[in-house]
Amino acid sequence: MEAREREWRDAAVTAVLWLRERHRDEQDLQRSTTLTQDQFTELLTYLQQLRDWPQSEAFPAIEQRPVAPPWIAEQTQ
């Protein structure tokens, strides 16, 4: 069970890293960013929650998984 949850967590991190990279690239290029500052903060918070998930007391309960902000599903690569 724990191994499956770690795999889920790893996949969830991988699925959103491109958003962080795009935002940082846009900032480095001094372009306007696709994400708002609030969205970027939410994204970083979600990534940290995913990193912390295996150390959580609730781990590996599926119903206690970190939940992605809803706007992430609307983003396209």
N, C-alpha and C. Protein backbone atom coordinates (compact mmCIF):
# COMPACT_ATOMS: atom_id res chain seq x y z
N MET A 1 0.83 -1.20 0.00
CA MET A 1 0.00 0.00 0.00
C MET A 1 0.88 1.27 0.00
N GLU A 2 1.89 1.29 0.86
CA GLU A 2 2.75 2.47 0.93
C GLU A 2 3.50 2.69 -0.37
N ALA A 3 3.97 1.62 -0.97
CA ALA A 3 4.70 1.75 -2.24
C ALA A 3 3.80 2.32 -3.33
N ARG A 4 2.54 1.88 -3.37
CA ARG A 4 1.60 2.42 -4.36
C ARG A 4 1.35 3.90 -4.14
N GLU A 5 1.25 4.30 -2.89
CA GLU A 5 1.01 5.72 -2.60
C GLU A 5 2.23 6.57 -2.95
N ARG A 6 3.41 6.04 -2.74
CA ARG A 6 4.62 6.76 -3.15
C ARG A 6 4.67 6.90 -4.67
N GLU A 7 4.27 5.84 -5.38
CA GLU A 7 4.20 5.93 -6.84
C GLU A 7 3.19 6.98 -7.27
N TRP A 8 2.02 7.00 -6.60
CA TRP A 8 1.01 8.02 -6.91
C TRP A 8 1.58 9.41 -6.68
N ARG A 9 2.25 9.58 -5.53
CA ARG A 9 2.83 10.88 -5.19
C ARG A 9 3.87 11.30 -6.23
N ASP A 10 4.74 10.39 -6.61
CA ASP A 10 5.78 10.70 -7.60
C ASP A 10 5.15 11.12 -8.93
N ALA A 11 4.10 10.42 -9.34
CA ALA A 11 3.41 10.75 -10.59
C ALA A 11 2.73 12.11 -10.49
N ALA A 12 2.15 12.41 -9.33
CA ALA A 12 1.47 13.69 -9.14
C ALA A 12 2.48 14.84 -9.20
N VAL A 13 3.65 14.66 -8.62
CA VAL A 13 4.70 15.68 -8.69
C VAL A 13 5.13 15.88 -10.14
N THR A 14 5.43 14.79 -10.82
CA THR A 14 5.87 14.87 -12.21
C THR A 14 4.84 15.56 -13.09
N ALA A 15 3.57 15.32 -12.81
CA ALA A 15 2.49 15.87 -13.64
C ALA A 15 2.40 17.39 -13.58
N VAL A 16 2.93 18.02 -12.53
CA VAL A 16 2.79 19.47 -12.41
C VAL A 16 4.12 20.23 -12.45
N LEU A 17 5.23 19.53 -12.49
CA LEU A 17 6.52 20.22 -12.51
C LEU A 17 6.66 21.16 -13.70
N TRP A 18 6.07 20.80 -14.82
CA TRP A 18 6.18 21.65 -16.01
C TRP A 18 5.56 23.02 -15.76
N LEU A 19 4.52 23.09 -14.92
CA LEU A 19 3.91 24.38 -14.60
C LEU A 19 4.90 25.27 -13.85
N ARG A 20 5.59 24.67 -12.89
CA ARG A 20 6.60 25.44 -12.14
C ARG A 20 7.72 25.90 -13.06
N GLU A 21 8.18 25.00 -13.91
CA GLU A 21 9.27 25.34 -14.84
C GLU A 21 8.85 26.44 -15.80
N ARG A 22 7.65 26.34 -16.36
CA ARG A 22 7.19 27.37 -17.29
C ARG A 22 7.12 28.73 -16.60
N HIS A 23 6.58 28.75 -15.39
CA HIS A 23 6.45 30.01 -14.65
C HIS A 23 7.83 30.62 -14.39
N ARG A 24 8.76 29.80 -13.95
CA ARG A 24 10.11 30.30 -13.68
C ARG A 24 10.80 30.78 -14.96
N ASP A 25 10.61 30.05 -16.04
CA ASP A 25 11.18 30.48 -17.32
C ASP A 25 10.60 31.82 -17.75
N GLU A 26 9.29 31.97 -17.62
CA GLU A 26 8.66 33.24 -17.99
C GLU A 26 9.21 34.38 -17.14
N GLN A 27 9.41 34.14 -15.86
CA GLN A 27 9.99 35.16 -14.99
C GLN A 27 11.42 35.48 -15.40
N ASP A 28 12.21 34.45 -15.66
CA ASP A 28 13.61 34.66 -16.05
C ASP A 28 13.72 35.44 -17.35
N LEU A 29 12.78 35.23 -18.24
CA LEU A 29 12.77 35.96 -19.52
C LEU A 29 12.09 37.32 -19.41
N GLN A 30 11.66 37.65 -18.21
CA GLN A 30 10.98 38.92 -17.92
C GLN A 30 9.74 39.09 -18.80
N ARG A 31 9.02 37.99 -18.97
CA ARG A 31 7.76 38.01 -19.70
C ARG A 31 6.62 37.98 -18.71
N SER A 32 5.43 38.31 -19.19
CA SER A 32 4.27 38.16 -18.31
C SER A 32 4.06 36.66 -18.10
N THR A 33 3.61 36.30 -16.92
CA THR A 33 3.48 34.90 -16.57
C THR A 33 2.07 34.39 -16.84
N THR A 34 2.00 33.13 -17.21
CA THR A 34 0.71 32.49 -17.45
C THR A 34 -0.06 32.33 -16.14
N LEU A 35 0.65 31.98 -15.08
CA LEU A 35 0.03 31.84 -13.77
C LEU A 35 0.08 33.16 -13.02
N THR A 36 -0.94 33.40 -12.23
CA THR A 36 -0.90 34.55 -11.33
C THR A 36 0.04 34.21 -10.17
N GLN A 37 0.42 35.21 -9.41
CA GLN A 37 1.28 34.95 -8.25
C GLN A 37 0.56 34.05 -7.25
N ASP A 38 -0.74 34.26 -7.07
CA ASP A 38 -1.51 33.39 -6.16
C ASP A 38 -1.52 31.94 -6.64
N GLN A 39 -1.68 31.74 -7.95
CA GLN A 39 -1.66 30.39 -8.49
C GLN A 39 -0.29 29.75 -8.30
N PHE A 40 0.76 30.52 -8.53
CA PHE A 40 2.10 29.98 -8.37
C PHE A 40 2.34 29.58 -6.91
N THR A 41 1.88 30.39 -5.99
CA THR A 41 2.01 30.06 -4.57
C THR A 41 1.22 28.80 -4.24
N GLU A 42 0.01 28.67 -4.79
CA GLU A 42 -0.79 27.46 -4.58
C GLU A 42 -0.07 26.24 -5.15
N LEU A 43 0.53 26.40 -6.32
CA LEU A 43 1.27 25.30 -6.95
C LEU A 43 2.44 24.86 -6.07
N LEU A 44 3.21 25.81 -5.58
CA LEU A 44 4.35 25.47 -4.72
C LEU A 44 3.88 24.81 -3.42
N THR A 45 2.78 25.29 -2.88
CA THR A 45 2.22 24.70 -1.66
C THR A 45 1.79 23.26 -1.92
N TYR A 46 1.13 23.03 -3.05
CA TYR A 46 0.71 21.67 -3.43
C TYR A 46 1.93 20.76 -3.60
N LEU A 47 2.96 21.23 -4.28
CA LEU A 47 4.17 20.43 -4.45
C LEU A 47 4.79 20.07 -3.09
N GLN A 48 4.80 21.01 -2.17
CA GLN A 48 5.36 20.72 -0.85
C GLN A 48 4.49 19.72 -0.11
N GLN A 49 3.17 19.85 -0.23
CA GLN A 49 2.28 18.87 0.40
C GLN A 49 2.53 17.47 -0.15
N LEU A 50 2.77 17.37 -1.45
CA LEU A 50 3.09 16.08 -2.05
C LEU A 50 4.40 15.53 -1.50
N ARG A 51 5.39 16.39 -1.37
CA ARG A 51 6.69 15.95 -0.82
C ARG A 51 6.55 15.47 0.63
N ASP A 52 5.69 16.16 1.38
CA ASP A 52 5.51 15.84 2.80
C ASP A 52 4.58 14.65 3.03
N TRP A 53 3.81 14.27 2.03
CA TRP A 53 2.78 13.25 2.17
C TRP A 53 3.30 11.95 2.79
N PRO A 54 4.40 11.38 2.37
CA PRO A 54 4.84 10.11 2.98
C PRO A 54 5.17 10.21 4.47
N GLN A 55 5.48 11.39 4.96
CA GLN A 55 5.78 11.55 6.38
C GLN A 55 4.54 11.90 7.20
N SER A 56 3.42 12.08 6.53
CA SER A 56 2.18 12.46 7.20
C SER A 56 1.65 11.30 8.04
N GLU A 57 0.99 11.63 9.15
CA GLU A 57 0.37 10.60 9.99
C GLU A 57 -0.74 9.88 9.23
N ALA A 58 -1.36 10.55 8.27
CA ALA A 58 -2.46 9.97 7.50
C ALA A 58 -1.98 9.05 6.38
N PHE A 59 -0.70 9.08 6.05
CA PHE A 59 -0.15 8.24 4.99
C PHE A 59 -0.27 6.79 5.37
N PRO A 60 -0.70 5.91 4.51
CA PRO A 60 -1.01 6.02 3.08
C PRO A 60 -2.50 6.05 2.76
N ALA A 61 -3.33 6.62 3.62
CA ALA A 61 -4.78 6.64 3.39
C ALA A 61 -5.11 7.47 2.14
N ILE A 62 -5.68 6.82 1.14
CA ILE A 62 -5.97 7.47 -0.14
C ILE A 62 -6.84 8.70 0.05
N GLU A 63 -7.81 8.62 0.94
CA GLU A 63 -8.73 9.75 1.13
C GLU A 63 -8.05 10.97 1.76
N GLN A 64 -6.83 10.80 2.23
CA GLN A 64 -6.09 11.91 2.85
C GLN A 64 -5.01 12.48 1.94
N ARG A 65 -4.99 12.04 0.68
CA ARG A 65 -4.00 12.55 -0.27
C ARG A 65 -4.10 14.06 -0.42
N PRO A 66 -2.99 14.72 -0.69
CA PRO A 66 -3.06 16.15 -1.03
C PRO A 66 -3.92 16.34 -2.27
N VAL A 67 -4.68 17.42 -2.27
CA VAL A 67 -5.60 17.70 -3.38
C VAL A 67 -5.04 18.86 -4.20
N ALA A 68 -4.97 18.63 -5.50
CA ALA A 68 -4.47 19.68 -6.40
C ALA A 68 -5.47 20.81 -6.50
N PRO A 69 -4.99 22.05 -6.60
CA PRO A 69 -5.90 23.16 -6.85
C PRO A 69 -6.67 22.89 -8.15
N PRO A 70 -7.96 23.20 -8.18
CA PRO A 70 -8.78 22.86 -9.35
C PRO A 70 -8.30 23.48 -10.66
N TRP A 71 -7.70 24.64 -10.61
CA TRP A 71 -7.27 25.32 -11.84
C TRP A 71 -6.16 24.56 -12.56
N ILE A 72 -5.44 23.69 -11.88
CA ILE A 72 -4.35 22.94 -12.52
C ILE A 72 -4.88 22.09 -13.67
N ALA A 73 -6.04 21.50 -13.50
CA ALA A 73 -6.62 20.65 -14.55
C ALA A 73 -6.92 21.43 -15.82
N GLU A 74 -7.05 22.74 -15.72
CA GLU A 74 -7.36 23.58 -16.87
C GLU A 74 -6.12 23.99 -17.66
N GLN A 75 -4.94 23.73 -17.12
CA GLN A 75 -3.70 24.13 -17.78
C GLN A 75 -3.32 23.13 -18.86
N THR A 76 -2.71 23.64 -19.93
CA THR A 76 -2.23 22.77 -20.99
C THR A 76 -0.76 23.05 -21.24
N GLN A 77 -0.06 22.01 -21.64
CA GLN A 77 1.38 22.16 -21.90
C GLN A 77 1.60 22.80 -23.25
